[in-house]
Amino acid sequence: MTPFEKFVGVCKRIEGISGSLEITSIVAQFFREVDDAELGIATYFIMGKVFPVWAELELGIGPNLLYSAISKTSSLPVRRVEELVKETGDVGYAAEKAIASGKSHLNFFSAEELSIRDVYARFEKIARLTGKGSQDAKIKNLQYLFSAAKPEETVYIARLAVEEMRIGVGEGIVRDAIADAFNVPSDLVERGYMLTNDFGIVASTAKKDGTPGLEKLGTVLGRPLKMMLAQVAEGIGEAIEEMGTVAVEWKFDGARVQIHRDGDHIIIYSRRLESVTPSLPDIVRSIKSNVKANAIILDGEVVALGKDKRPMAFQEILRRFRRKYDVSATALEIPLYLNLFDILYLDGKSLIDMPLAERRKLLEEVCDSGIVAKQTVTGEAGVVEAIYKDALAAGHEGVMLKNPVSLYMPGKRGKNWLKLKPIMETLDLVVIGGEWGEGRRANLIGSYLLACRDPDSEKLLTIGRVATGITDEQLGELTGLFGELIISESGIHVDFEPKVVFEVAFEEIQKSPNYDSGYALRFPRLVNVRSDKSVEDADSIEKVEQLYIRQKGKENFKPE
């Protein structure tokens, strides 16, 4: 077994380094040295995760529960733990200080030391606790970990408990570290990750079977693939000139889903590749009734339609996705309709390397037309524009323009799928801070500091603040949401754990020295809280730069 202390030492080294190449080298060496049985766990831990995102296990540890565990371990009041979090700006350092200064820090393991497997096993036990008394049991299990840990280890146990490692190791570094550690091509590592959505499987395969093993990794029922993504179309004419003919579909104002069916066992994954199956019994019934195949993976969009048959607000869809109780009543209040547009797997065979036109034929063969999104293949701009206008008239976002010969590229955003919308592209940005309001809004967080991702450094780069597009009711809801994510305060300024993604519209992007990204948003407004997206799904600085260049070169497409 690999000592957890070894993992801690790696994390501490990384925290003092800014260069991604050096960090990658350190992580690669760690992967070489970690015990085979713990290699998969190590890939999650180093990114601040405990389980792969597709796993149905959730820790269910919020800040309040963690503070209670620290309080009981240290004998300090919860109020003092909260003060330490604000003073240090880090729940890990707060845990270390509290437990080191407390009265009851006993080492349950005495001469034994915690291994990576020990920590994972305890977290897995916590994740499986449900029902009456589960909160108290989770606290006791955290106490056990804290009491067994050395002072420096408590820092990283606390951070893992809320899945916020804060050492700047993301997907890019882990991908390159696996390639370096086991001498395999990084593009094969990335392909394996896109297909399995699990770096643990990819790392173990690379170590055991090398390049041939990675080449054999494929689509598996019950393990979601990264979803293929679209980029913004410059216009209809440009898309047709690029592709020759385009497959045109409505861009629905809904939520993306990936559906896995193995006989009567159906799993529905959200855009974040988390199972939302229990919340969507109506979609499960629809699949059972309208899909002929028993072993299949489907890609599509669910839309909530009101009595007028127009799309309901996106937040209503999220209510369905989050609902855990009274699901049937909520399903009647917010009915969802399925629109399938792709098929990725059928009867034991992966279809992602098959052209879209051929995948579409199979989709139509095995699914009832009532749940398949309408598609028109054309090379005429007038036909595309008519479909575009119909989609907008129905209340949807626009159209998708797809290359009929394109393969399905998990996790990739490219020119084979283009989205055409009537307004400038919105950005999905991470909320990292805010400011308390004034006057009657003094008890509400009134503005929010936004950041985009830098994939190279794994850092978040500030790009502006948003305070418009938010109703008083939303301000109250958001203040409650972010209240549990506060890590430090200074006057009216608040810093948050980077957990929440806002979809933000804006008039234009401007150069600005006031923000880390070098850009600022002019007239930003909140469109949606994207609960279906993780920080890793937020837009990158590259996308910001592309939008800036595009807006300088030409006006956005506007149909006549």
Protein backbone atom coordinates (compact mmCIF):
# COMPACT_ATOMS: atom_id res chain seq x y z
CA MET A 1 0.00 0.00 0.00
CA THR A 2 1.13 3.55 -0.70
CA PRO A 3 1.25 5.84 2.36
CA PHE A 4 -1.20 8.73 2.18
CA GLU A 5 1.70 10.82 3.46
CA LYS A 6 3.43 10.24 0.10
CA PHE A 7 0.42 11.71 -1.71
CA VAL A 8 0.49 14.67 0.68
CA GLY A 9 4.18 15.26 -0.05
CA VAL A 10 3.48 15.35 -3.79
CA CYS A 11 0.65 17.84 -3.30
CA LYS A 12 2.82 20.11 -1.13
CA ARG A 13 5.57 20.12 -3.77
CA ILE A 14 3.09 20.99 -6.51
CA GLU A 15 1.60 23.87 -4.51
CA GLY A 16 4.93 25.68 -4.62
CA ILE A 17 5.31 25.36 -8.42
CA SER A 18 3.70 27.43 -11.17
CA GLY A 19 5.07 25.72 -14.29
CA SER A 20 2.78 23.03 -15.75
CA LEU A 21 5.69 21.03 -17.22
CA GLU A 22 7.36 20.64 -13.83
CA ILE A 23 4.04 19.76 -12.20
CA THR A 24 3.42 17.15 -14.90
CA SER A 25 6.82 15.60 -14.25
CA ILE A 26 6.16 15.35 -10.50
CA VAL A 27 2.73 13.79 -11.04
CA ALA A 28 4.19 11.33 -13.57
CA GLN A 29 6.83 10.18 -11.10
CA PHE A 30 4.13 9.75 -8.44
CA PHE A 31 2.06 7.60 -10.83
CA ARG A 32 5.10 5.38 -11.49
CA GLU A 33 5.68 4.83 -7.78
CA VAL A 34 2.14 4.41 -6.45
CA ASP A 35 0.94 0.88 -5.76
CA ASP A 36 -0.90 -0.71 -8.71
CA ALA A 37 -4.08 -1.19 -6.68
CA GLU A 38 -4.10 2.51 -5.77
CA LEU A 39 -3.13 4.02 -9.13
CA GLY A 40 -6.73 4.62 -10.16
CA ILE A 41 -7.54 6.25 -6.82
CA ALA A 42 -4.44 8.44 -7.11
CA THR A 43 -5.62 9.87 -10.45
CA TYR A 44 -8.88 10.98 -8.82
CA PHE A 45 -7.27 12.30 -5.63
CA ILE A 46 -4.67 14.43 -7.42
CA MET A 47 -7.51 16.23 -9.23
CA GLY A 48 -9.47 16.72 -6.01
CA LYS A 49 -11.99 13.97 -6.76
CA VAL A 50 -12.81 10.82 -4.81
CA PHE A 51 -14.87 8.95 -7.41
CA PRO A 52 -15.06 9.17 -11.20
CA VAL A 53 -17.82 11.57 -12.21
CA TRP A 54 -19.95 8.81 -13.75
CA ALA A 55 -20.03 6.74 -10.56
CA GLU A 56 -23.31 6.90 -8.69
CA LEU A 57 -21.46 7.32 -5.38
CA GLU A 58 -21.51 10.81 -3.86
CA LEU A 59 -19.79 11.88 -0.67
CA GLY A 60 -22.59 14.25 0.31
CA ILE A 61 -20.27 16.28 2.54
CA GLY A 62 -21.08 19.97 2.61
CA PRO A 63 -19.15 22.68 4.45
CA ASN A 64 -21.43 22.55 7.51
CA LEU A 65 -20.98 18.80 7.94
CA LEU A 66 -17.22 19.12 7.49
CA TYR A 67 -17.01 21.94 10.03
CA SER A 68 -18.94 19.79 12.51
CA ALA A 69 -16.48 16.93 12.02
CA ILE A 70 -13.50 19.27 12.53
CA SER A 71 -15.21 20.73 15.60
CA LYS A 72 -15.83 17.34 17.19
CA THR A 73 -12.27 16.19 16.43
CA SER A 74 -10.66 19.33 17.84
CA SER A 75 -13.19 20.18 20.62
CA LEU A 76 -13.33 23.70 19.19
CA PRO A 77 -16.77 25.24 18.62
CA VAL A 78 -18.06 25.27 15.05
CA ARG A 79 -18.01 29.06 15.16
CA ARG A 80 -14.24 29.01 15.71
CA VAL A 81 -13.78 26.54 12.84
CA GLU A 82 -15.70 28.90 10.56
CA GLU A 83 -13.48 31.77 11.68
CA LEU A 84 -10.37 29.74 10.87
CA VAL A 85 -11.73 29.00 7.38
CA LYS A 86 -12.21 32.72 6.78
CA GLU A 87 -8.81 33.59 8.27
CA THR A 88 -6.89 31.05 6.20
CA GLY A 89 -9.09 31.11 3.11
CA ASP A 90 -8.70 27.33 2.92
CA VAL A 91 -10.72 24.60 4.61
CA GLY A 92 -7.63 22.35 4.65
CA TYR A 93 -5.41 24.75 6.56
CA ALA A 94 -8.34 25.55 8.85
CA ALA A 95 -8.71 21.85 9.67
CA GLU A 96 -4.99 21.51 10.37
CA LYS A 97 -4.96 24.53 12.70
CA ALA A 98 -8.14 23.53 14.52
CA ILE A 99 -7.15 19.91 15.11
CA ALA A 100 -3.56 20.78 16.06
CA SER A 101 -4.80 23.28 18.67
CA GLY A 102 -7.67 21.13 19.93
CA LYS A 103 -7.79 18.94 22.99
CA SER A 104 -8.75 15.53 21.66
CA HIS A 105 -6.52 14.72 18.69
CA LEU A 106 -5.89 11.00 19.26
CA ASN A 107 -4.13 8.76 16.77
CA PHE A 108 -6.39 5.73 16.47
CA PHE A 109 -3.83 3.88 14.36
CA SER A 110 -0.93 4.54 16.77
CA ALA A 111 2.15 3.17 14.96
CA GLU A 112 0.26 2.47 11.74
CA GLU A 113 0.02 5.06 9.01
CA LEU A 114 -2.83 5.88 6.69
CA SER A 115 -2.55 4.56 3.15
CA ILE A 116 -4.20 6.00 0.07
CA ARG A 117 -6.45 2.92 0.11
CA ASP A 118 -7.42 3.58 3.76
CA VAL A 119 -8.57 7.11 2.98
CA TYR A 120 -10.48 6.00 -0.11
CA ALA A 121 -12.18 3.13 1.76
CA ARG A 122 -13.35 5.51 4.48
CA PHE A 123 -14.71 7.97 1.90
CA GLU A 124 -16.45 5.11 0.10
CA LYS A 125 -18.07 4.08 3.39
CA ILE A 126 -19.24 7.67 3.90
CA ALA A 127 -20.72 7.77 0.37
CA ARG A 128 -22.75 4.61 1.03
CA LEU A 129 -24.37 5.97 4.19
CA THR A 130 -28.02 6.86 3.66
CA GLY A 131 -31.21 7.34 5.63
CA LYS A 132 -31.82 8.26 9.24
CA GLY A 133 -28.67 8.95 11.21
CA SER A 134 -26.46 9.05 8.11
CA GLN A 135 -25.30 12.63 8.76
CA ASP A 136 -24.06 11.76 12.25
CA ALA A 137 -22.40 8.62 10.88
CA LYS A 138 -20.60 10.65 8.20
CA ILE A 139 -19.29 13.03 10.85
CA LYS A 140 -18.00 10.12 12.95
CA ASN A 141 -16.23 8.62 9.94
CA LEU A 142 -14.58 11.96 9.18
CA GLN A 143 -13.55 12.22 12.84
CA TYR A 144 -11.96 8.80 12.51
CA LEU A 145 -9.94 9.95 9.49
CA PHE A 146 -8.87 13.22 11.08
CA SER A 147 -7.86 11.52 14.30
CA ALA A 148 -5.82 8.90 12.42
CA ALA A 149 -4.06 11.48 10.26
CA LYS A 150 -0.86 13.40 10.81
CA PRO A 151 -1.28 17.20 10.92
CA GLU A 152 -0.25 17.76 7.29
CA GLU A 153 -2.53 14.93 6.16
CA THR A 154 -5.59 16.63 7.67
CA VAL A 155 -5.18 19.46 5.13
CA TYR A 156 -5.74 17.16 2.18
CA ILE A 157 -8.36 14.97 3.84
CA ALA A 158 -10.46 18.11 4.45
CA ARG A 159 -9.98 19.28 0.88
CA LEU A 160 -10.86 15.87 -0.54
CA ALA A 161 -13.97 15.76 1.66
CA VAL A 162 -15.38 18.75 -0.23
CA GLU A 163 -13.56 17.72 -3.45
CA GLU A 164 -11.54 20.91 -3.74
CA MET A 165 -7.81 20.12 -3.90
CA ARG A 166 -6.67 23.61 -5.02
CA ILE A 167 -3.26 22.56 -6.35
CA GLY A 168 -3.90 23.31 -10.02
CA VAL A 169 -3.90 19.76 -11.41
CA GLY A 170 -6.57 19.25 -14.04
CA GLU A 171 -7.32 16.93 -16.93
CA GLY A 172 -4.49 18.20 -19.15
CA ILE A 173 -1.78 17.60 -16.57
CA VAL A 174 -3.11 14.16 -15.60
CA ARG A 175 -3.32 13.17 -19.28
CA ASP A 176 0.28 14.21 -19.95
CA ALA A 177 1.50 12.67 -16.68
CA ILE A 178 0.02 9.28 -17.57
CA ALA A 179 1.65 9.47 -21.01
CA ASP A 180 5.01 10.39 -19.45
CA ALA A 181 4.81 7.83 -16.63
CA PHE A 182 4.08 4.84 -18.83
CA ASN A 183 5.63 5.93 -22.13
CA VAL A 184 2.40 5.97 -24.16
CA PRO A 185 1.12 8.59 -26.66
CA SER A 186 -0.81 11.42 -24.99
CA ASP A 187 -3.42 11.41 -27.78
CA LEU A 188 -4.22 7.77 -26.95
CA VAL A 189 -4.51 8.68 -23.26
CA GLU A 190 -6.90 11.47 -24.17
CA ARG A 191 -8.92 9.18 -26.45
CA GLY A 192 -9.15 6.62 -23.66
CA TYR A 193 -10.38 9.27 -21.25
CA MET A 194 -12.99 10.56 -23.68
CA LEU A 195 -14.29 7.01 -24.15
CA THR A 196 -14.23 5.88 -20.51
CA ASN A 197 -14.51 9.22 -18.66
CA ASP A 198 -12.22 7.63 -16.08
CA PHE A 199 -8.51 8.45 -15.78
CA GLY A 200 -8.19 5.63 -13.26
CA ILE A 201 -9.03 3.03 -15.90
CA VAL A 202 -6.82 4.78 -18.45
CA ALA A 203 -3.81 4.97 -16.11
CA SER A 204 -4.12 1.34 -15.01
CA THR A 205 -4.47 0.21 -18.64
CA ALA A 206 -1.46 2.27 -19.71
CA LYS A 207 0.68 0.82 -16.91
CA LYS A 208 -0.38 -2.78 -17.42
CA ASP A 209 -0.87 -3.05 -21.19
CA GLY A 210 0.76 0.07 -22.68
CA THR A 211 -0.20 1.39 -26.10
CA PRO A 212 -1.94 -1.83 -27.29
CA GLY A 213 -4.16 -1.75 -24.20
CA LEU A 214 -5.13 1.88 -24.72
CA GLU A 215 -5.97 1.17 -28.35
CA LYS A 216 -8.41 -1.51 -27.22
CA LEU A 217 -10.31 0.77 -24.83
CA GLY A 218 -13.79 1.34 -26.19
CA THR A 219 -17.37 2.23 -25.46
CA VAL A 220 -18.94 0.37 -22.55
CA LEU A 221 -22.58 0.34 -21.49
CA GLY A 222 -23.03 2.03 -18.14
CA ARG A 223 -19.91 4.16 -18.48
CA PRO A 224 -20.69 7.49 -20.18
CA LEU A 225 -18.57 8.95 -22.97
CA LYS A 226 -17.65 12.60 -23.08
CA MET A 227 -20.22 14.34 -25.26
CA MET A 228 -19.31 15.78 -28.65
CA LEU A 229 -19.51 19.58 -28.62
CA ALA A 230 -20.26 22.31 -31.14
CA GLN A 231 -18.67 25.64 -31.92
CA VAL A 232 -20.30 28.81 -33.18
CA ALA A 233 -21.15 29.06 -36.87
CA GLU A 234 -19.93 32.16 -38.65
CA GLY A 235 -22.98 31.98 -40.94
CA ILE A 236 -25.05 29.72 -43.15
CA GLY A 237 -23.06 30.36 -46.31
CA GLU A 238 -19.74 29.68 -44.63
CA ALA A 239 -21.03 26.40 -43.13
CA ILE A 240 -22.33 25.15 -46.49
CA GLU A 241 -19.11 26.16 -48.23
CA GLU A 242 -17.10 24.27 -45.59
CA MET A 243 -19.24 21.09 -45.54
CA GLY A 244 -20.86 21.00 -48.98
CA THR A 245 -24.13 19.75 -47.53
CA VAL A 246 -25.28 20.18 -43.94
CA ALA A 247 -27.51 18.12 -41.67
CA VAL A 248 -29.80 20.71 -40.06
CA GLU A 249 -31.52 20.15 -36.71
CA TRP A 250 -33.22 22.49 -34.27
CA LYS A 251 -31.02 23.62 -31.41
CA PHE A 252 -33.43 22.85 -28.61
CA ASP A 253 -33.76 25.04 -25.53
CA GLY A 254 -33.32 22.09 -23.20
CA ALA A 255 -30.76 19.93 -21.41
CA ARG A 256 -28.37 17.42 -22.96
CA VAL A 257 -28.66 13.76 -21.95
CA GLN A 258 -26.83 10.55 -22.76
CA ILE A 259 -28.91 7.41 -22.35
CA HIS A 260 -27.54 3.90 -21.73
CA ARG A 261 -29.88 0.94 -22.02
CA ASP A 262 -28.96 -2.63 -21.15
CA GLY A 263 -32.21 -4.56 -21.31
CA ASP A 264 -34.57 -3.09 -18.71
CA HIS A 265 -31.69 -1.30 -16.96
CA ILE A 266 -31.62 2.31 -18.13
CA ILE A 267 -29.25 5.04 -16.96
CA ILE A 268 -29.68 8.69 -17.99
CA TYR A 269 -26.61 10.90 -17.67
CA SER A 270 -26.62 14.69 -17.61
CA ARG A 271 -24.23 16.90 -19.53
CA ARG A 272 -21.89 16.58 -16.54
CA LEU A 273 -22.13 12.78 -17.00
CA GLU A 274 -23.82 12.33 -13.64
CA SER A 275 -26.73 9.92 -13.34
CA VAL A 276 -30.08 11.72 -13.16
CA THR A 277 -32.13 8.57 -13.79
CA PRO A 278 -34.25 8.60 -10.57
CA SER A 279 -35.45 12.13 -11.37
CA LEU A 280 -36.63 11.32 -14.90
CA PRO A 281 -39.04 8.36 -14.72
CA ASP A 282 -41.04 9.69 -17.67
CA ILE A 283 -37.95 9.60 -19.89
CA VAL A 284 -37.16 6.07 -18.70
CA ARG A 285 -40.70 5.00 -19.67
CA SER A 286 -40.34 6.70 -23.05
CA ILE A 287 -37.12 4.79 -23.78
CA LYS A 288 -38.70 1.48 -22.82
CA SER A 289 -41.70 2.15 -25.05
CA ASN A 290 -40.05 3.79 -28.05
CA VAL A 291 -36.60 2.19 -28.42
CA LYS A 292 -36.46 -1.28 -29.94
CA ALA A 293 -32.83 -2.12 -29.13
CA ASN A 294 -31.85 -3.65 -25.77
CA ALA A 295 -28.16 -2.63 -25.80
CA ILE A 296 -27.79 0.96 -26.91
CA ILE A 297 -26.28 4.37 -26.09
CA LEU A 298 -28.18 7.45 -27.30
CA ASP A 299 -27.42 11.18 -27.37
CA GLY A 300 -30.14 13.79 -27.22
CA GLU A 301 -31.86 16.68 -25.51
CA VAL A 302 -34.80 16.81 -23.12
CA VAL A 303 -37.09 19.82 -23.32
CA ALA A 304 -39.72 21.04 -20.85
CA LEU A 305 -42.78 22.29 -22.72
CA GLY A 306 -45.59 24.32 -21.22
CA LYS A 307 -49.29 24.10 -22.08
CA ASP A 308 -48.63 26.39 -25.05
CA LYS A 309 -46.07 23.84 -26.32
CA ARG A 310 -43.29 26.39 -25.99
CA PRO A 311 -40.09 25.70 -24.01
CA MET A 312 -40.25 26.43 -20.32
CA ALA A 313 -37.39 28.23 -18.58
CA PHE A 314 -34.13 26.28 -18.34
CA GLN A 315 -34.32 26.49 -14.55
CA GLU A 316 -37.51 24.39 -14.69
CA ILE A 317 -35.57 21.60 -16.40
CA LEU A 318 -32.93 21.80 -13.69
CA ARG A 319 -35.67 21.45 -11.08
CA ARG A 320 -36.52 18.11 -12.68
CA PHE A 321 -32.88 17.00 -12.78
CA ARG A 322 -32.33 17.86 -9.10
CA ARG A 323 -35.62 16.48 -7.78
CA LYS A 324 -35.25 13.56 -5.36
CA TYR A 325 -38.66 13.56 -3.68
CA ASP A 326 -42.20 13.86 -5.04
CA VAL A 327 -40.75 13.10 -8.47
CA SER A 328 -44.06 12.00 -9.98
CA ALA A 329 -45.84 15.22 -8.98
CA THR A 330 -43.01 17.33 -10.38
CA ALA A 331 -43.08 15.31 -13.61
CA LEU A 332 -46.74 16.26 -14.08
CA GLU A 333 -45.96 19.92 -13.35
CA ILE A 334 -42.89 20.02 -15.63
CA PRO A 335 -43.33 17.42 -18.40
CA LEU A 336 -40.18 16.56 -20.34
CA TYR A 337 -39.98 15.54 -23.99
CA LEU A 338 -37.10 13.61 -25.52
CA ASN A 339 -35.39 14.58 -28.78
CA LEU A 340 -32.72 12.09 -29.83
CA PHE A 341 -30.17 13.10 -32.44
CA ASP A 342 -27.39 10.50 -32.27
CA ILE A 343 -26.60 6.87 -31.53
CA LEU A 344 -23.16 5.86 -30.21
CA TYR A 345 -23.46 2.14 -29.49
CA LEU A 346 -25.75 -0.66 -30.64
CA ASP A 347 -25.86 -4.36 -29.76
CA GLY A 348 -22.24 -4.69 -28.69
CA LYS A 349 -20.76 -2.44 -31.38
CA SER A 350 -19.37 1.07 -30.98
CA LEU A 351 -20.65 3.44 -33.69
CA ILE A 352 -18.58 6.55 -32.97
CA ASP A 353 -16.22 5.87 -35.91
CA MET A 354 -19.17 5.64 -38.30
CA PRO A 355 -20.22 8.73 -40.36
CA LEU A 356 -23.12 10.76 -39.00
CA ALA A 357 -25.34 9.89 -42.01
CA GLU A 358 -24.97 6.17 -41.28
CA ARG A 359 -25.51 6.65 -37.54
CA ARG A 360 -28.66 8.59 -38.34
CA LYS A 361 -30.09 5.70 -40.38
CA LEU A 362 -29.54 3.33 -37.48
CA LEU A 363 -31.10 5.82 -35.06
CA GLU A 364 -34.24 6.02 -37.16
CA GLU A 365 -34.41 2.23 -37.47
CA VAL A 366 -34.36 1.51 -33.73
CA CYS A 367 -36.23 4.54 -32.34
CA ASP A 368 -39.80 5.69 -32.83
CA SER A 369 -39.97 8.88 -34.91
CA GLY A 370 -41.79 10.65 -32.08
CA ILE A 371 -38.62 10.86 -29.98
CA VAL A 372 -36.13 11.53 -32.82
CA ALA A 373 -35.21 15.12 -33.63
CA LYS A 374 -36.14 16.07 -37.19
CA GLN A 375 -33.15 16.41 -39.50
CA THR A 376 -32.88 17.88 -43.01
CA VAL A 377 -29.81 17.39 -45.20
CA THR A 378 -29.39 20.24 -47.68
CA GLY A 379 -26.91 22.40 -49.52
CA GLU A 380 -29.31 25.32 -49.96
CA ALA A 381 -28.96 28.38 -47.73
CA GLY A 382 -32.65 29.23 -48.11
CA VAL A 383 -33.71 25.86 -46.68
CA VAL A 384 -31.40 26.30 -43.69
CA GLU A 385 -32.70 29.80 -43.04
CA ALA A 386 -36.32 28.62 -43.14
CA ILE A 387 -35.59 25.90 -40.56
CA TYR A 388 -33.71 28.44 -38.46
CA LYS A 389 -36.72 30.80 -38.44
CA ASP A 390 -39.08 27.92 -37.58
CA ALA A 391 -36.90 26.96 -34.61
CA LEU A 392 -36.87 30.53 -33.29
CA ALA A 393 -40.63 30.87 -33.82
CA ALA A 394 -41.14 27.74 -31.72
CA GLY A 395 -39.13 29.31 -28.89
CA HIS A 396 -35.90 27.35 -29.35
CA GLU A 397 -32.34 28.67 -29.62
CA GLY A 398 -31.57 28.26 -33.32
CA VAL A 399 -30.18 25.38 -35.37
CA MET A 400 -27.34 22.89 -35.40
CA LEU A 401 -25.42 22.43 -38.64
CA LYS A 402 -23.63 19.07 -38.80
CA ASN A 403 -21.30 17.52 -41.32
CA PRO A 404 -23.04 14.35 -42.63
CA VAL A 405 -19.71 12.52 -43.01
CA SER A 406 -18.35 13.44 -39.57
CA LEU A 407 -17.44 10.88 -36.93
CA TYR A 408 -18.53 11.25 -33.31
CA MET A 409 -15.63 12.85 -31.44
CA PRO A 410 -16.16 12.48 -27.67
CA GLY A 411 -15.31 15.63 -25.76
CA LYS A 412 -14.20 17.52 -28.87
CA ARG A 413 -15.43 20.89 -30.08
CA GLY A 414 -14.82 21.43 -33.79
CA LYS A 415 -16.15 22.52 -37.17
CA ASN A 416 -18.12 19.33 -37.79
CA TRP A 417 -20.87 20.50 -35.44
CA LEU A 418 -21.82 24.17 -35.60
CA LYS A 419 -24.49 26.08 -33.69
CA LEU A 420 -26.30 29.08 -35.15
CA LYS A 421 -28.03 31.46 -32.76
CA PRO A 422 -29.46 34.97 -33.23
CA ILE A 423 -27.41 36.56 -30.48
CA MET A 424 -23.73 36.64 -29.77
CA GLU A 425 -22.39 33.52 -28.13
CA THR A 426 -22.82 33.41 -24.36
CA LEU A 427 -19.97 32.28 -22.12
CA ASP A 428 -20.09 29.70 -19.35
CA LEU A 429 -17.94 31.20 -16.59
CA VAL A 430 -16.92 30.11 -13.10
CA VAL A 431 -18.04 32.26 -10.15
CA ILE A 432 -15.05 32.81 -7.86
CA GLY A 433 -16.11 35.84 -5.81
CA GLY A 434 -18.74 38.45 -5.11
CA GLU A 435 -19.70 41.59 -3.25
CA TRP A 436 -22.39 42.23 -0.65
CA GLY A 437 -25.06 44.69 -1.73
CA GLU A 438 -26.01 48.01 -0.21
CA GLY A 439 -29.16 49.46 1.34
CA ARG A 440 -32.06 47.03 1.20
CA ARG A 441 -29.73 44.50 -0.47
CA ALA A 442 -27.11 44.68 2.30
CA ASN A 443 -27.77 41.06 3.30
CA LEU A 444 -27.62 39.81 -0.29
CA ILE A 445 -24.65 39.13 -2.53
CA GLY A 446 -25.37 41.59 -5.33
CA SER A 447 -22.57 41.05 -7.86
CA TYR A 448 -20.43 38.10 -8.86
CA LEU A 449 -16.82 37.87 -10.03
CA LEU A 450 -16.43 35.63 -13.08
CA ALA A 451 -13.50 33.67 -14.48
CA CYS A 452 -12.67 31.55 -17.52
CA ARG A 453 -10.34 28.53 -17.56
CA ASP A 454 -6.72 28.47 -18.66
CA PRO A 455 -6.29 24.84 -19.79
CA ASP A 456 -2.49 25.12 -19.83
CA SER A 457 -2.01 26.27 -16.25
CA GLU A 458 -5.30 24.89 -14.89
CA LYS A 459 -5.89 28.34 -13.36
CA LEU A 460 -9.03 30.47 -13.41
CA LEU A 461 -8.61 33.89 -15.02
CA THR A 462 -10.91 36.73 -14.01
CA ILE A 463 -12.89 38.35 -16.84
CA GLY A 464 -15.49 40.58 -15.19
CA ARG A 465 -18.43 40.90 -12.85
CA VAL A 466 -22.14 40.36 -13.40
CA ALA A 467 -24.89 42.08 -11.45
CA THR A 468 -27.69 42.45 -13.99
CA GLY A 469 -30.29 39.97 -15.16
CA ILE A 470 -30.83 38.90 -11.53
CA THR A 471 -34.21 39.37 -9.84
CA ASP A 472 -34.59 40.00 -6.10
CA GLU A 473 -35.89 36.45 -5.73
CA GLN A 474 -32.85 35.07 -7.55
CA LEU A 475 -30.54 37.19 -5.39
CA GLY A 476 -31.95 35.50 -2.32
CA GLU A 477 -31.55 32.03 -3.84
CA LEU A 478 -28.01 32.77 -5.02
CA THR A 479 -27.00 34.22 -1.66
CA GLY A 480 -28.17 30.99 -0.03
CA LEU A 481 -26.30 28.91 -2.61
CA PHE A 482 -23.02 30.80 -2.31
CA GLY A 483 -23.30 31.26 1.45
CA GLU A 484 -22.00 27.70 1.88
CA LEU A 485 -19.14 28.31 -0.57
CA ILE A 486 -17.57 31.35 1.13
CA ILE A 487 -13.90 30.81 1.91
CA SER A 488 -12.91 34.35 2.91
CA GLU A 489 -14.33 37.86 3.34
CA SER A 490 -12.80 41.33 3.38
CA GLY A 491 -15.25 44.18 3.82
CA ILE A 492 -17.92 43.75 1.14
CA HIS A 493 -15.69 41.42 -0.92
CA VAL A 494 -16.23 37.66 -0.72
CA ASP A 495 -14.21 34.76 -2.17
CA PHE A 496 -16.00 31.53 -3.12
CA GLU A 497 -14.95 27.96 -3.72
CA PRO A 498 -15.08 27.66 -7.53
CA LYS A 499 -18.05 25.31 -7.81
CA VAL A 500 -20.77 27.20 -9.71
CA VAL A 501 -20.97 28.04 -13.42
CA PHE A 502 -22.98 31.02 -14.75
CA GLU A 503 -24.07 31.35 -18.37
CA VAL A 504 -23.51 35.02 -19.13
CA ALA A 505 -24.59 37.07 -22.16
CA PHE A 506 -22.80 40.28 -23.14
CA GLU A 507 -22.71 42.95 -25.80
CA GLU A 508 -19.04 42.55 -26.68
CA ILE A 509 -15.63 41.48 -25.40
CA GLN A 510 -13.09 44.22 -24.77
CA LYS A 511 -9.37 44.22 -24.01
CA SER A 512 -8.79 45.09 -20.37
CA PRO A 513 -5.77 45.20 -18.03
CA ASN A 514 -8.10 45.04 -15.01
CA TYR A 515 -8.63 41.29 -15.18
CA ASP A 516 -6.26 38.32 -15.27
CA SER A 517 -7.60 37.17 -18.65
CA GLY A 518 -6.72 40.48 -20.31
CA TYR A 519 -10.36 40.83 -21.37
CA ALA A 520 -13.60 42.23 -19.96
CA LEU A 521 -17.26 41.73 -20.84
CA ARG A 522 -19.29 44.80 -21.85
CA PHE A 523 -22.81 44.87 -20.38
CA PRO A 524 -22.78 41.29 -19.02
CA ARG A 525 -26.05 39.80 -17.75
CA LEU A 526 -26.89 36.50 -16.11
CA VAL A 527 -28.77 34.10 -18.38
CA ASN A 528 -28.71 30.88 -16.35
CA VAL A 529 -27.08 29.15 -13.40
CA ARG A 530 -25.66 26.11 -15.20
CA SER A 531 -26.09 23.45 -12.55
CA ASP A 532 -25.64 20.89 -15.33
CA LYS A 533 -22.06 22.02 -15.90
CA SER A 534 -18.93 21.56 -13.79
CA VAL A 535 -15.95 23.91 -13.57
CA GLU A 536 -14.19 21.69 -16.12
CA ASP A 537 -17.04 22.45 -18.56
CA ALA A 538 -16.60 26.22 -18.27
CA ASP A 539 -15.29 28.12 -21.29
CA SER A 540 -11.57 28.63 -21.78
CA ILE A 541 -9.46 31.70 -22.48
CA GLU A 542 -9.01 30.33 -26.01
CA LYS A 543 -12.75 30.61 -26.63
CA VAL A 544 -12.75 34.18 -25.29
CA GLU A 545 -9.91 35.07 -27.65
CA GLN A 546 -11.69 33.43 -30.61
CA LEU A 547 -14.87 35.39 -29.91
CA TYR A 548 -12.89 38.61 -29.59
CA ILE A 549 -11.19 38.05 -32.95
CA ARG A 550 -14.45 37.06 -34.62
CA GLN A 551 -16.37 40.11 -33.41
CA LYS A 552 -13.65 42.40 -34.70
CA GLY A 553 -13.67 40.72 -38.09
CA LYS A 554 -17.38 40.66 -38.86
CA GLU A 555 -20.87 41.22 -37.46
CA ASN A 556 -22.77 38.32 -35.96
CA PHE A 557 -25.02 36.45 -38.34
CA LYS A 558 -28.51 37.96 -38.48
CA PRO A 559 -31.13 36.44 -40.79
CA GLU A 560 -32.88 38.89 -43.08
